[in-house]
Amino acid sequence: METARRYLELIDRQALHARCLTFIHPGTGSEMKMEAPLPRDMKTLIDALREGSSEGGEK
């Protein structure tokens, strides 16, 4: 449980991100594509989770 708290402290929002979204614009019918890099706080969280899993996680 203590490990989970440490991870939650790394990010103060929902951990939700889409690298790429594509949709058809309802007014024009044009394809719209938006891309965004992974935010730094999410990269920090992912790195911490990967590091923790390589150490065997919480016992």
Protein backbone atom coordinates (compact mmCIF):
# COMPACT_ATOMS: atom_id res chain seq x y z
CA MET A 1 0.00 0.00 0.00
CA GLU A 2 2.86 2.38 0.75
CA THR A 3 4.22 1.83 -2.76
CA ALA A 4 0.86 2.76 -4.29
CA ARG A 5 0.83 6.02 -2.28
CA ARG A 6 4.31 6.89 -3.56
CA TYR A 7 3.14 6.39 -7.15
CA LEU A 8 0.03 8.52 -6.58
CA GLU A 9 2.21 11.36 -5.32
CA LEU A 10 4.02 11.46 -8.68
CA ILE A 11 0.94 12.70 -10.55
CA ASP A 12 -1.86 14.93 -9.28
CA ARG A 13 -4.43 14.19 -11.98
CA GLN A 14 -5.97 11.34 -13.92
CA ALA A 15 -3.32 9.36 -15.77
CA LEU A 16 -5.07 9.52 -19.13
CA HIS A 17 -3.31 10.40 -22.38
CA ALA A 18 -3.82 9.84 -26.09
CA ARG A 19 -0.70 10.13 -28.22
CA CYS A 20 -2.78 10.45 -31.37
CA LEU A 21 -6.47 11.14 -32.03
CA THR A 22 -8.04 10.99 -35.48
CA PHE A 23 -11.65 11.78 -36.27
CA ILE A 24 -13.87 13.14 -39.04
CA HIS A 25 -14.90 16.76 -38.51
CA PRO A 26 -18.71 16.78 -38.37
CA GLY A 27 -19.05 20.08 -40.23
CA THR A 28 -16.51 19.72 -43.03
CA GLY A 29 -16.09 15.96 -43.32
CA SER A 30 -12.32 16.45 -43.21
CA GLU A 31 -10.12 14.04 -41.34
CA MET A 32 -8.65 15.73 -38.27
CA LYS A 33 -5.52 14.31 -36.67
CA MET A 34 -3.98 15.58 -33.45
CA GLU A 35 -0.80 14.33 -31.81
CA ALA A 36 0.66 15.14 -28.42
CA PRO A 37 3.82 13.93 -26.68
CA LEU A 38 3.63 12.14 -23.37
CA PRO A 39 3.52 14.73 -20.55
CA ARG A 40 6.55 14.78 -18.28
CA ASP A 41 4.58 13.80 -15.14
CA MET A 42 3.20 10.73 -16.89
CA LYS A 43 6.66 9.73 -18.13
CA THR A 44 7.94 10.03 -14.56
CA LEU A 45 5.09 7.83 -13.32
CA ILE A 46 5.62 5.21 -16.04
CA ASP A 47 9.36 5.11 -15.35
CA ALA A 48 8.71 4.65 -11.62
CA LEU A 49 6.20 1.85 -12.26
CA ARG A 50 8.60 0.06 -14.59
CA GLU A 51 11.43 0.40 -12.08
CA GLY A 52 9.20 -0.92 -9.30
CA SER A 53 8.06 -3.90 -11.35
CA SER A 54 11.64 -4.83 -12.17
CA GLU A 55 12.37 -4.89 -8.44
CA GLY A 56 9.58 -7.35 -7.81
CA GLY A 57 6.99 -4.80 -6.66
CA GLU A 58 5.56 -4.40 -3.19
CA LYS A 59 5.40 -7.40 -0.88
